Amino acid sequence: MPICKSIVINDSTTVKVWHIQETESELMNSIFISERSHERLSMMKSEIHRKGFLAVRKLLNCFEYSDENLIYNNFGKPLLNDGKFISITHSFDYAAVVISDGSVGVDIEKLRPKISKLSSKFINSEAIFLNSNFSAEIDRLTAIWTNKEALYKFYGKPGLSLKDNCIVLPFINSDSNGISWIVDGEQSIKCSSKRFKIDNYYLTVVCPYE
């Protein structure tokens, strides 16, 4: 299946989303991957993770990059060898890649009730605007989770706390634009959050606030 969605976030930032419907073999046979990536793939026990990994490489091709253009720093943050910024994500049968001229983060997550049990690990001040309706709360929690994960990828500092260092300001609709912050010691970074609902998934892209 081709890209299911391509979204221009701003003049220098685009995110592309792939709906994974191919088999693992179909994905593997349609792209070139480096020996290094073959080694990483062979260590993945989950078929879902392997397919997500391969779908990300399909999306790289859609941006006219190849697997060989993707490198990782010592902290595991993905980079492009031409100096462009990249962030990648996959969850079950969706994958997404965002490329920008500046720092950027992206995360996609499937709506699942289990997120309620995990909320204490990432919810802090955001508790004041959660909805008491169960289905609405799952939507909001998932939107907040993807926002905080995207902030983490945007900042790229290991050990950053989603609960204490990443702040999502109140929003009306879970699939609307918003403002979020990274607070790390004396440093505070204001970010723009772009949220999208795709089927039963939430996708959030974080960029510098303009």
C-alpha atoms as a PDB file:
ATOM      1  CA  MET A   1       0.000   0.000   0.000  1.00  0.00           C
ATOM      2  CA  PRO A   2       1.288   3.523  -0.741  1.00  0.00           C
ATOM      3  CA  ILE A   3       1.521   6.345   1.797  1.00  0.00           C
ATOM      4  CA  CYS A   4      -1.851   6.813   3.475  1.00  0.00           C
ATOM      5  CA  LYS A   5      -1.147  10.408   4.468  1.00  0.00           C
ATOM      6  CA  SER A   6       1.391  13.136   3.754  1.00  0.00           C
ATOM      7  CA  ILE A   7       1.088  16.269   5.882  1.00  0.00           C
ATOM      8  CA  VAL A   8       2.982  19.524   5.456  1.00  0.00           C
ATOM      9  CA  ILE A   9       3.522  20.850   8.980  1.00  0.00           C
ATOM     10  CA  ASN A  10       5.275  24.051   7.872  1.00  0.00           C
ATOM     11  CA  ASP A  11       7.510  25.270   5.053  1.00  0.00           C
ATOM     12  CA  SER A  12      10.413  23.072   6.155  1.00  0.00           C
ATOM     13  CA  THR A  13       8.667  20.120   7.834  1.00  0.00           C
ATOM     14  CA  THR A  14       6.705  17.222   6.350  1.00  0.00           C
ATOM     15  CA  VAL A  15       5.423  14.011   7.932  1.00  0.00           C
ATOM     16  CA  LYS A  16       4.492  10.915   5.947  1.00  0.00           C
ATOM     17  CA  VAL A  17       2.430   8.040   7.334  1.00  0.00           C
ATOM     18  CA  TRP A  18       2.372   4.426   6.109  1.00  0.00           C
ATOM     19  CA  HIS A  19      -0.488   2.015   6.794  1.00  0.00           C
ATOM     20  CA  ILE A  20       1.287  -1.343   7.055  1.00  0.00           C
ATOM     21  CA  GLN A  21      -0.783  -3.941   5.209  1.00  0.00           C
ATOM     22  CA  GLU A  22       2.054  -5.835   3.523  1.00  0.00           C
ATOM     23  CA  THR A  23       3.619  -9.038   4.762  1.00  0.00           C
ATOM     24  CA  GLU A  24       7.125  -8.892   6.154  1.00  0.00           C
ATOM     25  CA  SER A  25       8.463 -10.526   2.981  1.00  0.00           C
ATOM     26  CA  GLU A  26       6.677  -8.015   0.752  1.00  0.00           C
ATOM     27  CA  LEU A  27       8.186  -5.141   2.691  1.00  0.00           C
ATOM     28  CA  MET A  28      11.649  -6.695   2.661  1.00  0.00           C
ATOM     29  CA  ASN A  29      11.589  -7.393  -1.064  1.00  0.00           C
ATOM     30  CA  SER A  30      10.557  -3.845  -1.975  1.00  0.00           C
ATOM     31  CA  ILE A  31      13.467  -1.980  -0.361  1.00  0.00           C
ATOM     32  CA  PHE A  32      17.222  -2.077   0.065  1.00  0.00           C
ATOM     33  CA  ILE A  33      18.552  -2.241   3.608  1.00  0.00           C
ATOM     34  CA  SER A  34      22.146  -2.117   4.716  1.00  0.00           C
ATOM     35  CA  GLU A  35      24.054  -4.930   6.401  1.00  0.00           C
ATOM     36  CA  ARG A  36      23.856  -2.966   9.649  1.00  0.00           C
ATOM     37  CA  SER A  37      20.055  -2.849   9.394  1.00  0.00           C
ATOM     38  CA  HIS A  38      19.898  -6.556   8.559  1.00  0.00           C
ATOM     39  CA  GLU A  39      21.736  -7.212  11.809  1.00  0.00           C
ATOM     40  CA  ARG A  40      19.334  -5.007  13.789  1.00  0.00           C
ATOM     41  CA  LEU A  41      16.349  -6.670  12.119  1.00  0.00           C
ATOM     42  CA  SER A  42      17.597 -10.162  12.957  1.00  0.00           C
ATOM     43  CA  MET A  43      17.642  -9.249  16.655  1.00  0.00           C
ATOM     44  CA  MET A  44      13.970  -8.213  16.734  1.00  0.00           C
ATOM     45  CA  LYS A  45      11.741 -10.987  18.071  1.00  0.00           C
ATOM     46  CA  SER A  46       8.432  -9.267  17.311  1.00  0.00           C
ATOM     47  CA  GLU A  47       7.046  -9.361  13.763  1.00  0.00           C
ATOM     48  CA  ILE A  48       5.212  -6.099  14.503  1.00  0.00           C
ATOM     49  CA  HIS A  49       8.517  -4.388  15.316  1.00  0.00           C
ATOM     50  CA  ARG A  50      10.231  -5.852  12.241  1.00  0.00           C
ATOM     51  CA  LYS A  51       7.423  -4.664   9.964  1.00  0.00           C
ATOM     52  CA  GLY A  52       7.492  -1.223  11.574  1.00  0.00           C
ATOM     53  CA  PHE A  53      11.251  -1.057  11.066  1.00  0.00           C
ATOM     54  CA  LEU A  54      10.857  -1.958   7.372  1.00  0.00           C
ATOM     55  CA  ALA A  55       7.930   0.441   6.861  1.00  0.00           C
ATOM     56  CA  VAL A  56      10.115   3.284   8.145  1.00  0.00           C
ATOM     57  CA  ARG A  57      12.610   2.404   5.387  1.00  0.00           C
ATOM     58  CA  LYS A  58       9.761   2.504   2.842  1.00  0.00           C
ATOM     59  CA  LEU A  59       8.940   6.007   4.054  1.00  0.00           C
ATOM     60  CA  LEU A  60      12.590   7.036   3.747  1.00  0.00           C
ATOM     61  CA  ASN A  61      12.389   6.050   0.075  1.00  0.00           C
ATOM     62  CA  CYS A  62       9.277   8.230  -0.285  1.00  0.00           C
ATOM     63  CA  PHE A  63      11.388  11.168   0.938  1.00  0.00           C
ATOM     64  CA  GLU A  64      14.029  10.156  -1.652  1.00  0.00           C
ATOM     65  CA  TYR A  65      16.410   8.896   1.014  1.00  0.00           C
ATOM     66  CA  SER A  66      17.679   5.356   1.524  1.00  0.00           C
ATOM     67  CA  ASP A  67      18.474   3.232   4.551  1.00  0.00           C
ATOM     68  CA  GLU A  68      22.137   4.183   4.150  1.00  0.00           C
ATOM     69  CA  ASN A  69      21.298   7.869   4.719  1.00  0.00           C
ATOM     70  CA  LEU A  70      19.962   7.102   8.194  1.00  0.00           C
ATOM     71  CA  ILE A  71      22.473   7.079  11.041  1.00  0.00           C
ATOM     72  CA  TYR A  72      22.184   7.084  14.841  1.00  0.00           C
ATOM     73  CA  ASN A  73      24.115   9.047  17.451  1.00  0.00           C
ATOM     74  CA  ASN A  74      25.525   7.556  20.657  1.00  0.00           C
ATOM     75  CA  PHE A  75      22.168   7.997  22.393  1.00  0.00           C
ATOM     76  CA  GLY A  76      20.213   6.189  19.654  1.00  0.00           C
ATOM     77  CA  LYS A  77      18.714   9.349  18.161  1.00  0.00           C
ATOM     78  CA  PRO A  78      18.211   9.006  14.376  1.00  0.00           C
ATOM     79  CA  LEU A  79      19.952  11.496  12.093  1.00  0.00           C
ATOM     80  CA  LEU A  80      20.280  12.047   8.351  1.00  0.00           C
ATOM     81  CA  ASN A  81      23.761  12.266   6.897  1.00  0.00           C
ATOM     82  CA  ASP A  82      22.945  15.437   4.924  1.00  0.00           C
ATOM     83  CA  GLY A  83      22.248  17.463   8.080  1.00  0.00           C
ATOM     84  CA  LYS A  84      18.443  17.348   7.905  1.00  0.00           C
ATOM     85  CA  PHE A  85      16.550  16.441  11.065  1.00  0.00           C
ATOM     86  CA  ILE A  86      14.434  13.295  11.249  1.00  0.00           C
ATOM     87  CA  SER A  87      12.168  11.559  13.736  1.00  0.00           C
ATOM     88  CA  ILE A  88      10.580   8.129  13.299  1.00  0.00           C
ATOM     89  CA  THR A  89       7.822   6.145  14.972  1.00  0.00           C
ATOM     90  CA  HIS A  90       5.713   3.029  14.521  1.00  0.00           C
ATOM     91  CA  SER A  91       2.879   1.370  16.409  1.00  0.00           C
ATOM     92  CA  PHE A  92       1.189  -1.863  15.313  1.00  0.00           C
ATOM     93  CA  ASP A  93       0.135  -1.311  11.672  1.00  0.00           C
ATOM     94  CA  TYR A  94       1.177   2.327  11.257  1.00  0.00           C
ATOM     95  CA  ALA A  95       4.562   3.968  10.806  1.00  0.00           C
ATOM     96  CA  ALA A  96       5.503   7.617  10.368  1.00  0.00           C
ATOM     97  CA  VAL A  97       8.577   9.647   9.476  1.00  0.00           C
ATOM     98  CA  VAL A  98       8.990  13.417   9.778  1.00  0.00           C
ATOM     99  CA  ILE A  99      11.855  15.339   8.172  1.00  0.00           C
ATOM    100  CA  SER A 100      12.641  18.986   8.847  1.00  0.00           C
ATOM    101  CA  ASP A 101      15.299  21.665   8.579  1.00  0.00           C
ATOM    102  CA  GLY A 102      15.224  21.982  12.379  1.00  0.00           C
ATOM    103  CA  SER A 103      14.768  19.802  15.447  1.00  0.00           C
ATOM    104  CA  VAL A 104      11.560  17.770  15.304  1.00  0.00           C
ATOM    105  CA  GLY A 105       9.811  14.889  17.080  1.00  0.00           C
ATOM    106  CA  VAL A 106       6.992  12.524  16.119  1.00  0.00           C
ATOM    107  CA  ASP A 107       5.056   9.765  17.836  1.00  0.00           C
ATOM    108  CA  ILE A 108       2.104   7.587  16.879  1.00  0.00           C
ATOM    109  CA  GLU A 109       0.175   5.356  19.269  1.00  0.00           C
ATOM    110  CA  LYS A 110      -2.861   3.116  19.044  1.00  0.00           C
ATOM    111  CA  LEU A 111      -5.821   3.899  21.294  1.00  0.00           C
ATOM    112  CA  ARG A 112      -5.863   1.227  24.018  1.00  0.00           C
ATOM    113  CA  PRO A 113      -7.563   1.113  27.435  1.00  0.00           C
ATOM    114  CA  LYS A 114      -4.311  -0.001  29.109  1.00  0.00           C
ATOM    115  CA  ILE A 115      -3.003   3.572  28.867  1.00  0.00           C
ATOM    116  CA  SER A 116      -5.176   4.446  31.879  1.00  0.00           C
ATOM    117  CA  LYS A 117      -3.063   2.121  34.030  1.00  0.00           C
ATOM    118  CA  LEU A 118       0.127   3.798  32.808  1.00  0.00           C
ATOM    119  CA  SER A 119      -1.050   7.381  33.254  1.00  0.00           C
ATOM    120  CA  SER A 120       0.660   7.873  36.636  1.00  0.00           C
ATOM    121  CA  LYS A 121       4.023   7.469  34.878  1.00  0.00           C
ATOM    122  CA  PHE A 122       3.545  10.453  32.548  1.00  0.00           C
ATOM    123  CA  ILE A 123       0.632  12.616  33.761  1.00  0.00           C
ATOM    124  CA  ASN A 124       1.406  15.532  36.052  1.00  0.00           C
ATOM    125  CA  SER A 125      -0.261  18.956  35.741  1.00  0.00           C
ATOM    126  CA  GLU A 126      -2.266  17.595  32.770  1.00  0.00           C
ATOM    127  CA  ALA A 127      -4.552  15.782  35.255  1.00  0.00           C
ATOM    128  CA  ILE A 128      -6.602  18.960  35.663  1.00  0.00           C
ATOM    129  CA  PHE A 129      -8.019  18.758  32.142  1.00  0.00           C
ATOM    130  CA  LEU A 130      -8.590  15.021  31.761  1.00  0.00           C
ATOM    131  CA  ASN A 131     -12.161  13.950  31.072  1.00  0.00           C
ATOM    132  CA  SER A 132     -14.032  11.662  33.471  1.00  0.00           C
ATOM    133  CA  ASN A 133     -15.743   9.941  30.527  1.00  0.00           C
ATOM    134  CA  PHE A 134     -13.752   6.700  30.004  1.00  0.00           C
ATOM    135  CA  SER A 135     -13.552   6.717  26.200  1.00  0.00           C
ATOM    136  CA  ALA A 136     -12.813  10.450  26.110  1.00  0.00           C
ATOM    137  CA  GLU A 137     -10.127   9.974  28.756  1.00  0.00           C
ATOM    138  CA  ILE A 138      -8.386   7.296  26.675  1.00  0.00           C
ATOM    139  CA  ASP A 139      -8.377   9.722  23.737  1.00  0.00           C
ATOM    140  CA  ARG A 140      -6.897  12.502  25.839  1.00  0.00           C
ATOM    141  CA  LEU A 141      -4.350  10.292  27.563  1.00  0.00           C
ATOM    142  CA  THR A 142      -3.168   8.935  24.212  1.00  0.00           C
ATOM    143  CA  ALA A 143      -2.941  12.440  22.749  1.00  0.00           C
ATOM    144  CA  ILE A 144      -0.907  13.602  25.774  1.00  0.00           C
ATOM    145  CA  TRP A 145       1.316  10.500  25.645  1.00  0.00           C
ATOM    146  CA  THR A 146       2.164  10.993  21.956  1.00  0.00           C
ATOM    147  CA  ASN A 147       2.815  14.682  22.614  1.00  0.00           C
ATOM    148  CA  LYS A 148       5.250  13.901  25.435  1.00  0.00           C
ATOM    149  CA  GLU A 149       7.001  11.148  23.477  1.00  0.00           C
ATOM    150  CA  ALA A 150       7.393  13.556  20.551  1.00  0.00           C
ATOM    151  CA  LEU A 151       8.822  16.174  22.944  1.00  0.00           C
ATOM    152  CA  TYR A 152      11.323  13.606  24.205  1.00  0.00           C
ATOM    153  CA  LYS A 153      12.443  12.820  20.646  1.00  0.00           C
ATOM    154  CA  PHE A 154      12.552  16.530  19.775  1.00  0.00           C
ATOM    155  CA  TYR A 155      14.882  17.301  22.687  1.00  0.00           C
ATOM    156  CA  GLY A 156      16.973  14.153  22.345  1.00  0.00           C
ATOM    157  CA  LYS A 157      18.370  14.128  25.877  1.00  0.00           C
ATOM    158  CA  PRO A 158      18.515  10.723  27.612  1.00  0.00           C
ATOM    159  CA  GLY A 159      16.873  10.602  31.009  1.00  0.00           C
ATOM    160  CA  LEU A 160      14.340  13.366  30.339  1.00  0.00           C
ATOM    161  CA  SER A 161      11.215  12.658  32.396  1.00  0.00           C
ATOM    162  CA  LEU A 162       7.923  12.578  30.495  1.00  0.00           C
ATOM    163  CA  LYS A 163       6.123  13.315  33.754  1.00  0.00           C
ATOM    164  CA  ASP A 164       8.310  16.065  35.192  1.00  0.00           C
ATOM    165  CA  ASN A 165      10.120  17.667  32.245  1.00  0.00           C
ATOM    166  CA  CYS A 166       7.471  17.511  29.499  1.00  0.00           C
ATOM    167  CA  ILE A 167       4.355  19.678  29.899  1.00  0.00           C
ATOM    168  CA  VAL A 168       1.291  19.653  27.654  1.00  0.00           C
ATOM    169  CA  LEU A 169      -0.971  22.689  27.977  1.00  0.00           C
ATOM    170  CA  PRO A 170      -4.777  22.238  28.050  1.00  0.00           C
ATOM    171  CA  PHE A 171      -6.499  21.614  24.718  1.00  0.00           C
ATOM    172  CA  ILE A 172     -10.160  21.363  23.692  1.00  0.00           C
ATOM    173  CA  ASN A 173      -9.973  18.595  21.098  1.00  0.00           C
ATOM    174  CA  SER A 174      -7.471  15.756  21.110  1.00  0.00           C
ATOM    175  CA  ASP A 175      -6.850  16.176  17.369  1.00  0.00           C
ATOM    176  CA  SER A 176      -6.153  19.911  17.504  1.00  0.00           C
ATOM    177  CA  ASN A 177      -3.001  22.000  17.545  1.00  0.00           C
ATOM    178  CA  GLY A 178      -1.525  23.005  20.873  1.00  0.00           C
ATOM    179  CA  ILE A 179       1.418  24.240  22.892  1.00  0.00           C
ATOM    180  CA  SER A 180       3.778  22.162  24.995  1.00  0.00           C
ATOM    181  CA  TRP A 181       6.959  22.795  26.933  1.00  0.00           C
ATOM    182  CA  ILE A 182      10.225  21.113  27.804  1.00  0.00           C
ATOM    183  CA  VAL A 183      11.466  22.278  31.204  1.00  0.00           C
ATOM    184  CA  ASP A 184      14.967  21.075  32.027  1.00  0.00           C
ATOM    185  CA  GLY A 185      16.542  22.857  34.967  1.00  0.00           C
ATOM    186  CA  GLU A 186      16.789  26.534  34.059  1.00  0.00           C
ATOM    187  CA  GLN A 187      16.066  25.844  30.388  1.00  0.00           C
ATOM    188  CA  SER A 188      12.492  26.098  29.068  1.00  0.00           C
ATOM    189  CA  ILE A 189      11.621  25.404  25.423  1.00  0.00           C
ATOM    190  CA  LYS A 190       8.208  26.311  24.035  1.00  0.00           C
ATOM    191  CA  CYS A 191       7.002  23.936  21.311  1.00  0.00           C
ATOM    192  CA  SER A 192       4.180  23.725  18.825  1.00  0.00           C
ATOM    193  CA  SER A 193       2.240  20.441  18.890  1.00  0.00           C
ATOM    194  CA  LYS A 194       0.327  19.250  15.827  1.00  0.00           C
ATOM    195  CA  ARG A 195      -2.052  16.370  16.651  1.00  0.00           C
ATOM    196  CA  PHE A 196      -3.896  14.166  14.185  1.00  0.00           C
ATOM    197  CA  LYS A 197      -6.299  11.261  14.653  1.00  0.00           C
ATOM    198  CA  ILE A 198      -5.835   8.551  12.035  1.00  0.00           C
ATOM    199  CA  ASP A 199      -8.287   5.663  12.398  1.00  0.00           C
ATOM    200  CA  ASN A 200      -7.859   4.577  16.036  1.00  0.00           C
ATOM    201  CA  TYR A 201      -4.395   6.114  16.406  1.00  0.00           C
ATOM    202  CA  TYR A 202      -3.052   9.484  17.510  1.00  0.00           C
ATOM    203  CA  LEU A 203      -0.098  11.093  15.776  1.00  0.00           C
ATOM    204  CA  THR A 204       1.697  14.126  17.215  1.00  0.00           C
ATOM    205  CA  VAL A 205       4.454  16.189  15.621  1.00  0.00           C
ATOM    206  CA  VAL A 206       6.445  18.631  17.782  1.00  0.00           C
ATOM    207  CA  CYS A 207       8.350  21.579  16.299  1.00  0.00           C
ATOM    208  CA  PRO A 208       9.829  24.798  17.697  1.00  0.00           C
ATOM    209  CA  TYR A 209       7.129  27.338  18.501  1.00  0.00           C
ATOM    210  CA  GLU A 210       6.893  30.153  15.953  1.00  0.00           C
END
